[in-house]
Amino acid sequence: MKILIIGAGQVGYFLCDRLSREGHAVTLVDQSEETIERAQDRLNVLGVCGNGASAEILEQAGIKDTDIFIAVTNMDEVNILACLLAREYQVTTRVARTKSIEYTRNKAILSKEKLGIDLLINPEDAVAEELFKLACTSRAFDVAEFAEGQIHFQGFRITEYSPICDLTLAELGELRGVYRFVVVAINRGKKTIIPRGEDAIQANDKIYIFAHQDELPAINYMLRSEQEVVKSSHRAFVLGGSRIGVQIAQYMEQHNFSIKLIEKNEEHCYKLAEELNKAVVINAEGLDLQTLLDEGLEDADVFVAVTDNDQTNILTCLLAKQQSVKRTLALVSQPELIDLASELGIDACVSPRMAAASTILKFVRRGEIINLTAVEDSDSEVLEFEMTPDSGLLDVPLKDLHFPRGAIIGAIVRGHSYEIPTGESKLAEGDRVVVFALPNALQKVERFFS
């Protein structure tokens, strides 16, 4: 397919990288000549320097032959105007990113239908939901749900105190009678592998698992170290009164958390107090440690930092960790800071870039893929497929299907039942199949299920 992307920021660059590696003809438009040159040097894309909301520039970029148009600049108005132009050029699929709630809220005057945009996304919504899910888990640094929430994909950091440290996958498999889950990938340093039976889990590894939602309490209990006290998170601090912070606080209110929301702008604090029902709104700086201690920071179960400054989010999480807060979560936009934050001891970081990119990739691919999550550390993906009646994969043992190397089927959901597949497992019409795939296997997996 021919794909035209407007905006070479974090989301645009990531999409160019991923979609061009999948064999699509990608053209990138950005106003920065330096950015375009860098993208052309590093990626297999055609670059055009100019305003993405200009018909002349879009024609230079080949909009007349474009199949998918994606506008992801940092300006809502540019993205929307560019999509309106794409509609005039009869581009089949049009996608825009917007930060303003004015376009995405219910009964918006200018809705995506009125604008003629097929997908209008606000990354803040996805970020808030993911951070809330992470706040509800005791150890995971990455979470995603599949098959209507029945199957969970979670990432865990392994310490030398972890009960499964130094166990091989074969030894871990012996626990499946008690703990039903499968380790689909191990991230070690800069390398991600799909492990085999003889591979051992080591200290400082990050492991990714698939498990049914009913199994998660037992799995979290098993993965705790002897130094940890198992306790449900009920007391939370949220730093930052942005839309993301408010959404997280509202989610927490609905789940009976005791919440204190920290906001430095006094006038905004009054507005927040009107929006929230149970949360206590505190006017203070995030780095004002004494005020936070006076408000009970030491007794908090989770601290979530979602200001618009990555450094502030990381530093305040580290301060909270020093005060024995059990779980710290940070909003981090800069990719290069995510690994650093993790190494410093922050439990989980969420990137708006990945939230937006996952949503766009899922929409662009569609077909048999009904859900998709991009994994930050490795450019890997988790994909969910639904088996159709005309599939040639039905009623054949998996061991005979020559499944692509570099990918693994983690779970098969059939109605309200599920199984962790073996070589003897067979797929049936209507099954939901959840797959973990490394970057070099993504196209093969899509072809396998198409």
Protein backbone atom coordinates (compact mmCIF):
# COMPACT_ATOMS: atom_id res chain seq x y z
CA MET A 1 0.00 0.00 0.00
CA LYS A 2 0.99 3.62 -0.49
CA ILE A 3 0.95 5.46 2.83
CA LEU A 4 1.40 9.21 3.31
CA ILE A 5 2.36 10.37 6.81
CA ILE A 6 2.25 14.03 7.87
CA GLY A 7 4.49 14.89 10.82
CA ALA A 8 7.89 13.40 11.67
CA GLY A 9 7.59 13.58 15.43
CA GLN A 10 7.85 10.55 17.68
CA VAL A 11 4.61 8.97 16.44
CA GLY A 12 5.20 9.76 12.77
CA TYR A 13 8.79 8.51 12.82
CA PHE A 14 7.78 5.29 14.59
CA LEU A 15 5.01 4.63 12.06
CA CYS A 16 7.36 5.31 9.14
CA ASP A 17 9.88 2.86 10.56
CA ARG A 18 7.33 0.12 11.24
CA LEU A 19 5.25 0.44 8.06
CA SER A 20 8.22 0.78 5.70
CA ARG A 21 9.81 -2.36 7.20
CA GLU A 22 6.57 -4.17 6.40
CA GLY A 23 7.04 -3.39 2.73
CA HIS A 24 4.65 -0.46 2.32
CA ALA A 25 5.61 2.53 0.16
CA VAL A 26 5.80 5.30 2.75
CA THR A 27 6.12 9.03 2.09
CA LEU A 28 6.81 11.42 4.97
CA VAL A 29 6.00 15.14 4.98
CA ASP A 30 7.45 17.54 7.57
CA GLN A 31 8.37 21.22 7.66
CA SER A 32 11.87 20.53 8.99
CA GLU A 33 14.36 19.84 6.21
CA GLU A 34 16.84 18.43 8.73
CA THR A 35 14.23 15.99 10.08
CA ILE A 36 13.31 14.83 6.58
CA GLU A 37 16.97 14.25 5.69
CA ARG A 38 17.52 12.24 8.85
CA ALA A 39 14.43 10.10 8.18
CA GLN A 40 15.52 9.40 4.60
CA ASP A 41 19.02 8.46 5.75
CA ARG A 42 17.76 6.02 8.39
CA LEU A 43 14.49 4.71 6.99
CA ASN A 44 13.23 3.39 3.70
CA VAL A 45 10.92 6.35 3.07
CA LEU A 46 10.51 9.18 0.58
CA GLY A 47 10.68 12.58 2.27
CA VAL A 48 8.99 15.84 1.25
CA CYS A 49 9.74 19.08 3.09
CA GLY A 50 6.79 21.42 3.52
CA ASN A 51 3.44 22.13 5.15
CA GLY A 52 1.29 19.02 5.33
CA ALA A 53 -1.86 21.15 5.12
CA SER A 54 -0.84 22.53 1.71
CA ALA A 55 -2.46 21.03 -1.37
CA GLU A 56 0.67 21.79 -3.41
CA ILE A 57 2.93 19.93 -0.97
CA LEU A 58 0.51 17.00 -0.75
CA GLU A 59 0.49 16.69 -4.54
CA GLN A 60 4.30 16.63 -4.52
CA ALA A 61 4.06 13.80 -1.97
CA GLY A 62 1.79 11.79 -4.27
CA ILE A 63 -1.54 12.15 -2.52
CA LYS A 64 -3.44 11.29 -5.71
CA ASP A 65 -2.13 7.72 -5.49
CA THR A 66 -2.27 7.37 -1.69
CA ASP A 67 -4.21 4.54 -0.04
CA ILE A 68 -3.81 5.60 3.61
CA PHE A 69 -3.31 9.15 4.89
CA ILE A 70 -2.04 9.67 8.47
CA ALA A 71 -1.72 13.16 10.00
CA VAL A 72 0.18 13.16 13.29
CA THR A 73 1.78 16.60 13.64
CA ASN A 74 1.71 18.39 17.00
CA MET A 75 -1.03 20.75 15.79
CA ASP A 76 -4.65 19.58 15.79
CA GLU A 77 -5.69 22.12 13.18
CA VAL A 78 -2.98 21.03 10.72
CA ASN A 79 -3.94 17.37 11.13
CA ILE A 80 -7.64 18.04 10.60
CA LEU A 81 -7.13 20.38 7.63
CA ALA A 82 -4.73 17.88 6.05
CA CYS A 83 -7.35 15.13 6.39
CA LEU A 84 -9.99 17.39 4.83
CA LEU A 85 -7.67 17.88 1.87
CA ALA A 86 -7.07 14.13 1.69
CA ARG A 87 -10.84 13.62 1.51
CA GLU A 88 -10.99 15.98 -1.47
CA TYR A 89 -8.33 13.87 -3.17
CA GLN A 90 -10.50 10.80 -2.42
CA VAL A 91 -7.94 9.02 -0.25
CA THR A 92 -9.69 5.88 1.00
CA THR A 93 -8.48 5.87 4.63
CA ARG A 94 -7.79 9.01 6.67
CA VAL A 95 -6.34 9.11 10.20
CA ALA A 96 -5.66 12.12 12.44
CA ARG A 97 -4.27 12.62 15.91
CA THR A 98 -5.79 15.32 18.09
CA LYS A 99 -5.01 16.52 21.59
CA SER A 100 -8.21 18.52 22.06
CA ILE A 101 -11.24 16.95 23.70
CA GLU A 102 -13.40 19.17 21.48
CA TYR A 103 -13.15 16.69 18.62
CA THR A 104 -13.38 13.38 20.50
CA ARG A 105 -15.98 13.95 23.21
CA ASN A 106 -19.55 12.72 22.85
CA LYS A 107 -21.78 14.98 20.75
CA ALA A 108 -18.80 17.01 19.51
CA ILE A 109 -19.85 19.71 17.06
CA LEU A 110 -17.04 18.67 14.71
CA SER A 111 -16.98 14.89 15.11
CA LYS A 112 -14.82 12.58 13.02
CA GLU A 113 -17.89 11.66 10.96
CA LYS A 114 -18.57 15.29 10.09
CA LEU A 115 -14.90 15.85 9.32
CA GLY A 116 -14.75 12.76 7.15
CA ILE A 117 -11.95 11.22 9.22
CA ASP A 118 -11.97 7.44 9.64
CA LEU A 119 -9.91 7.37 12.84
CA LEU A 120 -9.56 10.38 15.16
CA ILE A 121 -7.41 9.48 18.16
CA ASN A 122 -6.48 11.24 21.37
CA PRO A 123 -3.47 9.45 22.92
CA GLU A 124 -4.30 10.87 26.34
CA ASP A 125 -7.31 8.57 26.65
CA ALA A 126 -5.23 5.46 26.00
CA VAL A 127 -2.44 6.66 28.32
CA ALA A 128 -4.83 7.28 31.21
CA GLU A 129 -6.41 3.85 30.82
CA GLU A 130 -3.05 2.07 30.68
CA LEU A 131 -1.67 3.90 33.73
CA PHE A 132 -4.79 3.00 35.70
CA LYS A 133 -4.43 -0.67 34.75
CA LEU A 134 -0.81 -0.56 35.86
CA ALA A 135 -1.85 1.02 39.15
CA CYS A 136 -4.14 -1.94 39.77
CA THR A 137 -1.39 -4.54 39.29
CA SER A 138 1.18 -5.31 41.94
CA ARG A 139 4.32 -5.84 39.81
CA ALA A 140 3.76 -5.55 36.04
CA PHE A 141 5.49 -2.79 34.05
CA ASP A 142 3.50 -3.45 30.87
CA VAL A 143 -0.15 -4.51 30.54
CA ALA A 144 -2.61 -5.15 27.73
CA GLU A 145 -5.88 -7.04 27.42
CA PHE A 146 -7.16 -9.29 24.65
CA ALA A 147 -10.27 -11.36 23.91
CA GLU A 148 -12.56 -8.90 25.72
CA GLY A 149 -10.29 -8.84 28.75
CA GLN A 150 -10.06 -12.61 29.21
CA ILE A 151 -6.38 -12.84 28.24
CA HIS A 152 -3.80 -10.48 29.77
CA PHE A 153 -0.36 -9.70 28.40
CA GLN A 154 1.97 -8.49 31.16
CA GLY A 155 5.65 -7.70 31.52
CA PHE A 156 7.59 -8.35 34.74
CA ARG A 157 11.10 -7.45 35.86
CA ILE A 158 13.02 -10.30 37.43
CA THR A 159 15.30 -9.60 40.38
CA GLU A 160 17.78 -11.92 42.05
CA TYR A 161 15.17 -12.39 44.79
CA SER A 162 12.44 -13.50 42.39
CA PRO A 163 11.21 -17.07 42.99
CA ILE A 164 11.59 -17.90 39.29
CA CYS A 165 15.10 -16.45 38.87
CA ASP A 166 17.49 -19.09 37.41
CA LEU A 167 14.65 -21.45 36.50
CA THR A 168 14.57 -22.80 32.96
CA LEU A 169 11.38 -22.63 30.92
CA ALA A 170 11.10 -26.41 31.22
CA GLU A 171 11.24 -26.19 35.01
CA LEU A 172 8.77 -23.33 34.97
CA GLY A 173 6.43 -25.43 32.82
CA GLU A 174 6.15 -27.92 35.64
CA LEU A 175 4.33 -25.24 37.67
CA ARG A 176 1.54 -24.90 35.12
CA GLY A 177 -0.68 -27.27 37.04
CA VAL A 178 -0.86 -24.56 39.70
CA TYR A 179 -0.06 -21.41 37.70
CA ARG A 180 -1.52 -21.38 34.18
CA PHE A 181 0.55 -18.95 32.12
CA VAL A 182 3.14 -18.96 29.36
CA VAL A 183 6.35 -16.92 29.04
CA VAL A 184 6.32 -15.74 25.43
CA ALA A 185 9.43 -13.54 25.46
CA ILE A 186 12.49 -12.59 27.48
CA ASN A 187 14.12 -9.19 27.08
CA ARG A 188 17.77 -9.29 28.13
CA GLY A 189 19.71 -6.08 27.59
CA LYS A 190 18.98 -4.96 24.05
CA LYS A 191 17.92 -8.41 22.86
CA THR A 192 14.47 -10.00 22.91
CA ILE A 193 14.12 -13.75 22.45
CA ILE A 194 11.26 -16.21 22.30
CA PRO A 195 12.55 -18.74 24.83
CA ARG A 196 12.79 -22.51 24.53
CA GLY A 197 12.71 -25.11 27.26
CA GLU A 198 16.43 -24.95 28.01
CA ASP A 199 16.53 -21.13 28.31
CA ALA A 200 16.83 -19.90 31.90
CA ILE A 201 15.32 -16.74 33.37
CA GLN A 202 18.07 -14.54 34.80
CA ALA A 203 18.23 -11.62 37.22
CA ASN A 204 17.52 -8.27 35.47
CA ASP A 205 15.56 -9.98 32.70
CA LYS A 206 12.21 -8.64 31.62
CA ILE A 207 9.75 -11.41 30.91
CA TYR A 208 6.45 -11.18 29.06
CA ILE A 209 3.62 -13.57 29.82
CA PHE A 210 0.12 -14.46 28.66
CA ALA A 211 -2.37 -15.48 31.32
CA HIS A 212 -6.11 -15.64 31.84
CA GLN A 213 -7.57 -12.89 34.01
CA ASP A 214 -8.61 -15.45 36.65
CA GLU A 215 -4.99 -16.58 37.05
CA LEU A 216 -3.46 -13.14 37.65
CA PRO A 217 -3.80 -12.99 41.47
CA ALA A 218 -1.99 -16.31 41.88
CA ILE A 219 0.69 -15.35 39.33
CA ASN A 220 1.34 -12.00 41.01
CA TYR A 221 1.59 -13.79 44.34
CA MET A 222 4.08 -16.27 42.89
CA LEU A 223 6.26 -13.58 41.29
CA ARG A 224 6.65 -11.55 44.46
CA SER A 225 10.01 -11.67 46.20
CA GLU A 226 10.31 -12.71 49.81
CA GLN A 227 10.95 -9.06 50.69
CA GLU A 228 7.57 -7.92 49.38
CA VAL A 229 4.37 -7.69 51.33
CA VAL A 230 1.34 -8.59 49.23
CA LYS A 231 -1.25 -5.83 49.58
CA SER A 232 -3.94 -4.42 47.34
CA SER A 233 -3.31 -0.85 46.22
CA HIS A 234 -5.92 1.46 47.72
CA ARG A 235 -4.07 4.69 48.59
CA ALA A 236 -2.84 6.66 45.60
CA PHE A 237 -1.10 9.95 44.85
CA VAL A 238 -1.54 11.42 41.36
CA LEU A 239 0.82 14.26 40.38
CA GLY A 240 -0.47 16.56 37.65
CA GLY A 241 -3.95 17.95 37.07
CA SER A 242 -3.91 17.52 33.31
CA ARG A 243 -6.68 15.67 31.48
CA ILE A 244 -4.69 12.46 31.96
CA GLY A 245 -4.40 13.04 35.69
CA VAL A 246 -8.12 13.75 36.04
CA GLN A 247 -9.07 10.64 34.07
CA ILE A 248 -6.83 8.45 36.22
CA ALA A 249 -8.30 9.96 39.39
CA GLN A 250 -11.83 9.35 38.08
CA TYR A 251 -11.02 5.72 37.27
CA MET A 252 -9.60 5.32 40.76
CA GLU A 253 -12.67 6.88 42.36
CA GLN A 254 -14.83 4.33 40.60
CA HIS A 255 -12.68 1.54 42.08
CA ASN A 256 -12.68 2.89 45.64
CA PHE A 257 -9.11 4.14 45.78
CA SER A 258 -8.29 6.84 48.31
CA ILE A 259 -6.76 9.50 46.05
CA LYS A 260 -4.80 12.68 46.55
CA LEU A 261 -4.23 14.71 43.38
CA ILE A 262 -1.30 17.17 43.44
CA GLU A 263 -1.50 20.27 41.22
CA LYS A 264 0.79 23.32 41.38
CA ASN A 265 -1.68 25.80 39.85
CA GLU A 266 -3.98 27.06 42.61
CA GLU A 267 -6.74 28.28 40.31
CA HIS A 268 -6.79 24.95 38.48
CA CYS A 269 -7.09 23.14 41.81
CA TYR A 270 -10.56 24.65 42.34
CA LYS A 271 -11.68 23.36 38.92
CA LEU A 272 -10.30 19.91 39.68
CA ALA A 273 -12.14 19.80 43.00
CA GLU A 274 -15.41 20.39 41.10
CA GLU A 275 -14.66 17.64 38.56
CA LEU A 276 -13.76 14.97 41.12
CA ASN A 277 -16.10 13.45 43.67
CA LYS A 278 -13.91 11.79 46.29
CA ALA A 279 -10.33 12.77 45.53
CA VAL A 280 -8.53 15.30 47.73
CA VAL A 281 -6.94 18.03 45.59
CA ILE A 282 -3.74 19.51 47.02
CA ASN A 283 -2.08 22.70 45.80
CA ALA A 284 1.65 21.92 45.88
CA GLU A 285 4.75 21.39 43.74
CA GLY A 286 5.59 17.79 42.96
CA LEU A 287 9.10 18.24 44.35
CA ASP A 288 7.80 19.72 47.62
CA LEU A 289 8.61 16.56 49.53
CA GLN A 290 7.67 17.87 52.97
CA THR A 291 4.14 18.73 51.86
CA LEU A 292 3.73 15.29 50.30
CA LEU A 293 5.00 13.64 53.49
CA ASP A 294 2.58 15.72 55.54
CA GLU A 295 -0.21 14.41 53.31
CA GLY A 296 0.79 10.79 53.93
CA LEU A 297 3.08 9.92 51.03
CA GLU A 298 4.92 7.29 53.09
CA ASP A 299 1.70 5.29 53.43
CA ALA A 300 0.80 5.40 49.72
CA ASP A 301 0.49 2.22 47.72
CA VAL A 302 0.97 3.86 44.32
CA PHE A 303 2.35 7.18 43.03
CA VAL A 304 1.50 8.25 39.47
CA ALA A 305 3.34 11.22 37.90
CA VAL A 306 1.68 12.67 34.78
CA THR A 307 2.91 16.26 34.47
CA ASP A 308 3.94 17.56 31.03
CA ASN A 309 7.62 17.32 32.01
CA ASP A 310 9.37 13.93 31.74
CA GLN A 311 12.18 14.91 34.13
CA THR A 312 9.70 16.01 36.80
CA ASN A 313 7.78 12.76 36.46
CA ILE A 314 10.93 10.68 36.81
CA LEU A 315 12.37 12.68 39.72
CA THR A 316 9.15 12.71 41.72
CA CYS A 317 8.73 8.97 41.24
CA LEU A 318 12.27 8.45 42.55
CA LEU A 319 11.49 10.64 45.57
CA ALA A 320 8.34 8.61 46.21
CA LYS A 321 10.33 5.39 45.91
CA GLN A 322 12.79 6.70 48.49
CA GLN A 323 9.87 7.21 50.87
CA SER A 324 8.89 3.52 50.55
CA VAL A 325 5.94 4.04 48.20
CA LYS A 326 5.25 0.54 46.94
CA ARG A 327 4.65 1.31 43.27
CA THR A 328 5.64 4.28 41.10
CA LEU A 329 4.37 5.01 37.58
CA ALA A 330 5.53 7.78 35.24
CA LEU A 331 4.36 9.33 32.01
CA VAL A 332 7.50 9.56 29.83
CA SER A 333 7.32 10.92 26.29
CA GLN A 334 11.00 10.77 25.31
CA PRO A 335 11.89 7.20 24.24
CA GLU A 336 15.51 7.55 25.40
CA LEU A 337 14.35 8.28 28.95
CA ILE A 338 12.10 5.23 29.30
CA ASP A 339 14.93 2.71 29.73
CA LEU A 340 16.77 5.10 32.05
CA ALA A 341 13.70 5.51 34.26
CA SER A 342 13.31 1.75 34.49
CA GLU A 343 16.97 1.26 35.40
CA LEU A 344 16.63 3.88 38.14
CA GLY A 345 13.90 1.80 39.78
CA ILE A 346 10.60 3.27 38.54
CA ASP A 347 8.13 0.41 38.28
CA ALA A 348 6.52 1.34 34.96
CA CYS A 349 6.61 4.07 32.32
CA VAL A 350 3.92 4.78 29.74
CA SER A 351 4.63 6.51 26.44
CA PRO A 352 1.98 8.53 24.57
CA ARG A 353 3.89 7.70 21.39
CA MET A 354 3.28 3.97 21.80
CA ALA A 355 -0.34 4.47 22.78
CA ALA A 356 -1.02 6.46 19.60
CA ALA A 357 1.08 4.23 17.36
CA SER A 358 -0.59 1.02 18.57
CA THR A 359 -4.04 2.45 17.86
CA ILE A 360 -3.04 3.60 14.37
CA LEU A 361 -1.27 0.35 13.45
CA LYS A 362 -4.30 -1.67 14.52
CA PHE A 363 -6.58 0.49 12.38
CA VAL A 364 -4.28 0.52 9.34
CA ARG A 365 -3.88 -3.24 9.27
CA ARG A 366 -7.40 -4.32 10.23
CA GLY A 367 -8.28 -7.44 8.21
CA GLU A 368 -8.08 -10.49 10.46
CA ILE A 369 -6.26 -8.50 13.17
CA ILE A 370 -8.82 -7.40 15.74
CA ASN A 371 -6.44 -6.11 18.40
CA LEU A 372 -2.80 -5.04 18.56
CA THR A 373 -0.30 -3.74 21.10
CA ALA A 374 3.21 -2.51 20.29
CA VAL A 375 5.90 -3.39 22.84
CA GLU A 376 8.16 -0.43 23.65
CA ASP A 377 11.40 -2.25 24.41
CA SER A 378 11.77 -4.36 21.30
CA ASP A 379 9.49 -3.15 18.47
CA SER A 380 7.68 -6.46 18.92
CA GLU A 381 3.91 -6.69 18.80
CA VAL A 382 1.09 -8.64 20.36
CA LEU A 383 -1.66 -9.36 17.84
CA GLU A 384 -5.10 -10.90 18.20
CA PHE A 385 -6.73 -12.77 15.32
CA GLU A 386 -10.19 -14.28 14.91
CA MET A 387 -10.42 -17.52 12.98
CA THR A 388 -12.84 -17.30 10.05
CA PRO A 389 -14.73 -20.27 8.57
CA ASP A 390 -12.76 -20.11 5.32
CA SER A 391 -9.37 -20.30 7.05
CA GLY A 392 -7.17 -23.17 5.94
CA LEU A 393 -5.73 -23.43 9.47
CA LEU A 394 -8.75 -25.06 11.11
CA ASP A 395 -8.68 -28.55 12.68
CA VAL A 396 -4.97 -29.04 12.01
CA PRO A 397 -2.51 -29.64 14.92
CA LEU A 398 -0.35 -26.54 15.40
CA LYS A 399 2.81 -28.62 15.04
CA ASP A 400 1.81 -29.32 11.42
CA LEU A 401 1.12 -25.71 10.46
CA HIS A 402 4.73 -24.45 10.15
CA PHE A 403 4.11 -21.38 12.31
CA PRO A 404 6.60 -18.55 11.54
CA ARG A 405 9.85 -18.48 13.48
CA GLY A 406 10.17 -15.45 15.70
CA ALA A 407 6.55 -15.67 16.86
CA ILE A 408 4.58 -17.71 19.37
CA ILE A 409 0.90 -18.36 19.98
CA GLY A 410 0.34 -17.52 23.64
CA ALA A 411 -3.35 -18.28 24.08
CA ILE A 412 -6.42 -19.61 22.29
CA VAL A 413 -9.82 -18.43 23.51
CA ARG A 414 -12.93 -20.38 22.53
CA GLY A 415 -16.09 -18.81 23.91
CA HIS A 416 -15.61 -18.62 27.68
CA SER A 417 -12.88 -21.26 27.77
CA TYR A 418 -9.21 -20.91 26.90
CA GLU A 419 -6.06 -22.94 26.55
CA ILE A 420 -2.34 -22.42 26.55
CA PRO A 421 -1.57 -24.13 23.24
CA THR A 422 0.67 -27.11 22.63
CA GLY A 423 1.73 -28.76 19.40
CA GLU A 424 -1.42 -30.87 19.49
CA SER A 425 -3.81 -27.90 19.82
CA LYS A 426 -6.17 -27.25 16.92
CA LEU A 427 -7.85 -24.02 15.85
CA ALA A 428 -11.60 -23.80 15.29
CA GLU A 429 -13.93 -21.28 13.67
CA GLY A 430 -14.47 -18.28 15.93
CA ASP A 431 -11.37 -18.87 18.05
CA ARG A 432 -9.49 -15.81 19.24
CA VAL A 433 -5.75 -16.39 18.87
CA VAL A 434 -3.25 -14.14 20.69
CA VAL A 435 0.27 -14.03 19.23
CA PHE A 436 3.58 -12.45 20.29
CA ALA A 437 5.78 -11.61 17.30
CA LEU A 438 9.30 -10.21 16.97
CA PRO A 439 9.79 -7.47 14.33
CA ASN A 440 11.17 -9.77 11.62
CA ALA A 441 8.20 -12.14 11.96
CA LEU A 442 5.35 -9.60 11.82
CA GLN A 443 4.68 -9.82 8.09
CA LYS A 444 4.94 -13.60 8.13
CA VAL A 445 2.43 -13.85 10.96
CA GLU A 446 -0.03 -11.60 9.14
CA ARG A 447 0.31 -13.68 5.98
CA PHE A 448 -0.05 -16.88 8.02
CA PHE A 449 -3.47 -15.83 9.31
CA SER A 450 -4.67 -14.09 6.13
